[in-house]
Amino acid sequence: MTIRVMLVDDQVLLRTGFRMVLAAQPDMEVVAEAGDGAEAIANLRATAVDVVLMDVRMPKLDGVEATRRICAAPNPPKVLILTTFDLDEYAFSGLKAGASGFMLKDVPPAELLAAIRSVHSGDAVVAPSTTRRLLDRFAPMLPTGTKEPEHKQLERLTEREREVMLLVAQGLSNGEIAARLVLSEATVKTHVGRILTKLELRDRVQVVVLAYETGLVRAGGA
């Protein structure tokens, strides 16, 4: 099955580089390109796309708002945010807008291809270590109170599920959580699935966002 990709970036040279990498893959095809968010949304009306590689800082309509509008539509494609990290202070908003994850623009080609395939299959692709760095960097945007987080949905979780959620929010992979809690990786995966269902979340990226928003986890993984 061919993964249909749209490249959204106002830098033509970057789009050209990404297109060359993707074109060499037997299971991927670049079906559309756009120089800003408005053009990307217009293209989606006429072209079937599975995964959107979305820059954040663009003229006319930025990647965050474009992502929000795309993800609000029926049966939307997956969106993978591309960020320079050190300069881009909107990546967190991109995740909240519905993106399935984010990658650095200078990511090695093999990691970018793996990310596209993961997103297409329904997984989130934010590397745990990168999640920690990004959310800690943007922690001032989030609640910083010391009270027990007030969020009715969290009350649905069992003690073990809450424990797993905390570790997910701190950026640990399923394997790392399994080792920390002395559980099988399959059991951790089951717990994560139940957390997503109970909290009505799409993926582990949204678990991280919710944990930070409610104050369950704060800067430094506290």
Foldseek 3Di string as FASTA:
>chain_A
DAAEEEEEALDPVLVVVLQVLQVVDPRYHHPYYYNALVVVVVVVVPDDHAEYEAEADGPPHGRLVSLLVQQVDPPHHAYEYEACLVPDLCVLSSVVSPHLYYDYSPDPSVLVVVCSVQVSVQARRHQLVNLLVNCLVNLVVADDDPDDFDDVLVVPDDPVLLVLLLVLLNRDDLVRVCVVVVHDSVVSVVSQVVSCVSSVHRYSSVSNSVCSRRVVAGRPSD
